[in-house]
Amino acid sequence: MKHFNDLDKLINILKKKKVKVCIAESLTGGKVAYSFIKIKGASEIFDFSIVCYSNNSKSYFFNADKIIKKYGVVSYETAKIMLDKIQNFTISQKRLRLSCTGYASQSLSNQNIDVGTVYIGVGFGTKTKIIKKKFRNNGRVSIINSTINALIYESIQILSR
């Protein structure tokens, strides 16, 4: 996958379909949002992003504490609750919903999950998709960029159906 090369294609699809983007991003720390808003005319397609990096913020915004306790912060279920609940913060009727949670580096709390394990969520209308990715550990920035590329790619796929 080329680094963000499909972003222009995604933005053109969003503009053509008059779709707004709302994002719940964790490991990317706001970089998904930035990838959109750095483009001139982003206000046509970008609604908002919630950077919920900590477990507390995921619990606060998405009431995810029980999910995190049961399945872990890096899990299908956490990415899904983020994806499902992000729409509660927008009034846009046509919206592309995105979520991501994962590990871009090792810590004491994630010793059982490999660095590079990421769950991404993409939703449009009634269509939703949660995908587990295992990116090569070429460093934090590489994993974050790979996550964004995967979100862009999957967004194009779901909007093109």
Protein backbone atom coordinates (compact mmCIF):
# COMPACT_ATOMS: atom_id res chain seq x y z
CA MET A 1 0.00 0.00 0.00
CA LYS A 2 1.36 3.40 -0.94
CA HIS A 3 1.65 5.97 1.81
CA PHE A 4 -1.63 7.93 1.81
CA ASN A 5 -1.72 7.91 -2.02
CA ASP A 6 -5.36 6.87 -2.06
CA LEU A 7 -6.41 9.75 0.21
CA ASP A 8 -7.22 12.00 -2.76
CA LYS A 9 -9.35 9.21 -4.23
CA LEU A 10 -11.18 8.81 -0.91
CA ILE A 11 -11.77 12.55 -0.58
CA ASN A 12 -13.19 12.69 -4.12
CA ILE A 13 -15.61 9.85 -3.30
CA LEU A 14 -16.66 11.58 -0.06
CA LYS A 15 -17.27 14.89 -1.88
CA LYS A 16 -19.20 13.22 -4.70
CA LYS A 17 -21.43 11.33 -2.25
CA LYS A 18 -21.64 14.30 0.18
CA VAL A 19 -20.41 12.17 3.08
CA LYS A 20 -18.84 13.50 6.30
CA VAL A 21 -16.10 11.68 8.21
CA CYS A 22 -16.16 11.11 11.98
CA ILE A 23 -13.33 9.28 13.68
CA ALA A 24 -12.58 7.59 17.00
CA GLU A 25 -8.82 7.19 16.95
CA SER A 26 -6.51 5.85 19.60
CA LEU A 27 -3.02 4.70 18.58
CA THR A 28 -2.88 7.23 15.73
CA GLY A 29 -3.22 10.13 18.18
CA GLY A 30 -4.99 12.50 15.79
CA LYS A 31 -2.96 11.70 12.68
CA VAL A 32 -5.99 10.25 10.88
CA ALA A 33 -7.79 13.56 11.37
CA TYR A 34 -4.72 15.51 10.31
CA SER A 35 -4.41 13.47 7.11
CA PHE A 36 -7.84 14.81 6.12
CA ILE A 37 -7.67 18.39 7.39
CA LYS A 38 -4.33 19.18 5.79
CA ILE A 39 -6.12 18.97 2.43
CA LYS A 40 -7.67 22.21 1.14
CA GLY A 41 -11.46 22.01 1.24
CA ALA A 42 -11.50 19.46 4.06
CA SER A 43 -14.48 21.19 5.67
CA GLU A 44 -16.66 19.72 2.91
CA ILE A 45 -16.01 16.18 4.13
CA PHE A 46 -14.56 16.28 7.63
CA ASP A 47 -16.86 16.40 10.66
CA PHE A 48 -14.67 15.54 13.69
CA SER A 49 -12.26 13.19 15.41
CA ILE A 50 -12.11 12.11 19.02
CA VAL A 51 -8.61 11.13 20.07
CA CYS A 52 -9.25 8.62 22.83
CA TYR A 53 -5.75 7.48 23.58
CA SER A 54 -6.24 6.39 27.18
CA ASN A 55 -8.56 3.72 28.51
CA ASN A 56 -10.25 6.39 30.62
CA SER A 57 -11.10 8.44 27.54
CA LYS A 58 -12.54 5.37 25.80
CA SER A 59 -14.68 4.75 28.86
CA TYR A 60 -15.76 8.40 29.05
CA PHE A 61 -16.71 8.86 25.40
CA PHE A 62 -17.84 5.34 24.51
CA ASN A 63 -18.75 3.70 27.83
CA ALA A 64 -16.18 1.04 26.95
CA ASP A 65 -14.93 0.13 30.44
CA LYS A 66 -16.72 -3.25 30.61
CA ILE A 67 -15.61 -4.13 27.07
CA ILE A 68 -11.99 -3.20 27.84
CA LYS A 69 -12.00 -5.21 31.08
CA LYS A 70 -13.44 -8.27 29.35
CA TYR A 71 -11.66 -8.21 25.95
CA GLY A 72 -8.78 -5.75 26.34
CA VAL A 73 -8.21 -2.35 24.85
CA VAL A 74 -6.75 -3.81 21.65
CA SER A 75 -9.63 -6.00 20.54
CA TYR A 76 -12.35 -6.43 17.95
CA GLU A 77 -14.92 -5.48 20.58
CA THR A 78 -13.20 -2.22 21.56
CA ALA A 79 -12.82 -1.13 17.93
CA LYS A 80 -16.50 -1.99 17.38
CA ILE A 81 -17.86 -0.04 20.34
CA MET A 82 -15.76 2.96 19.27
CA LEU A 83 -17.12 2.65 15.72
CA ASP A 84 -20.72 2.19 16.84
CA LYS A 85 -20.76 5.01 19.37
CA ILE A 86 -18.84 7.65 17.39
CA GLN A 87 -22.02 8.38 15.45
CA ASN A 88 -23.67 9.63 18.65
CA PHE A 89 -21.62 12.83 18.38
CA THR A 90 -22.72 13.94 14.90
CA ILE A 91 -25.91 15.13 13.26
CA SER A 92 -24.66 14.30 9.75
CA GLN A 93 -26.95 11.74 8.16
CA LYS A 94 -24.41 10.52 5.60
CA ARG A 95 -21.27 9.68 7.54
CA LEU A 96 -18.22 7.52 7.20
CA ARG A 97 -17.30 6.23 10.66
CA LEU A 98 -13.75 5.17 11.44
CA SER A 99 -12.09 3.68 14.52
CA CYS A 100 -8.69 2.29 15.40
CA THR A 101 -7.02 0.81 18.46
CA GLY A 102 -3.74 -1.03 18.67
CA TYR A 103 -0.18 -1.26 19.89
CA ALA A 104 2.56 0.70 18.17
CA SER A 105 5.14 -0.14 20.85
CA GLN A 106 5.59 -2.57 23.71
CA SER A 107 4.51 -1.70 27.23
CA LEU A 108 4.01 -3.65 30.44
CA SER A 109 0.26 -3.72 29.87
CA ASN A 110 0.39 -5.39 26.44
CA GLN A 111 2.86 -8.22 26.96
CA ASN A 112 0.43 -10.79 25.53
CA ILE A 113 -0.25 -8.89 22.29
CA ASP A 114 2.40 -8.33 19.63
CA VAL A 115 3.48 -4.82 18.70
CA GLY A 116 1.84 -4.00 15.39
CA THR A 117 -1.50 -5.58 16.31
CA VAL A 118 -4.23 -3.15 15.31
CA TYR A 119 -8.00 -3.29 14.97
CA ILE A 120 -9.63 -0.88 12.56
CA GLY A 121 -13.31 -0.21 12.10
CA VAL A 122 -15.04 1.28 9.07
CA GLY A 123 -18.74 1.96 8.82
CA PHE A 124 -21.06 3.60 6.31
CA GLY A 125 -24.81 3.41 6.67
CA THR A 126 -25.66 -0.10 7.82
CA LYS A 127 -22.37 -1.54 6.54
CA THR A 128 -19.63 -2.06 9.12
CA LYS A 129 -16.34 -3.88 9.05
CA ILE A 130 -13.87 -4.54 11.87
CA ILE A 131 -10.50 -5.88 10.74
CA LYS A 132 -7.52 -7.19 12.68
CA LYS A 133 -4.18 -6.18 11.19
CA LYS A 134 -0.69 -7.37 12.09
CA PHE A 135 1.79 -4.79 10.86
CA ARG A 136 5.52 -5.45 10.84
CA ASN A 137 7.24 -3.77 13.77
CA ASN A 138 9.29 -1.20 11.88
CA GLY A 139 8.72 1.35 14.63
CA ARG A 140 5.84 3.43 15.98
CA VAL A 141 5.57 5.80 13.02
CA SER A 142 5.49 2.93 10.52
CA ILE A 143 2.69 1.16 12.42
CA ILE A 144 0.69 4.39 12.72
CA ASN A 145 1.10 5.15 9.00
CA SER A 146 0.16 1.57 8.08
CA THR A 147 -2.99 1.92 10.19
CA ILE A 148 -3.96 5.11 8.37
CA ASN A 149 -3.30 3.50 4.98
CA ALA A 150 -5.52 0.56 5.96
CA LEU A 151 -8.31 2.92 7.08
CA ILE A 152 -8.12 4.82 3.78
CA TYR A 153 -8.14 1.61 1.74
CA GLU A 154 -11.06 0.06 3.64
CA SER A 155 -13.00 3.34 3.48
CA ILE A 156 -12.74 3.35 -0.32
CA GLN A 157 -13.89 -0.28 -0.38
CA ILE A 158 -16.96 0.28 1.79
CA LEU A 159 -17.98 3.47 -0.03
CA SER A 160 -17.59 1.82 -3.46
CA ARG A 161 -20.03 -1.00 -2.76
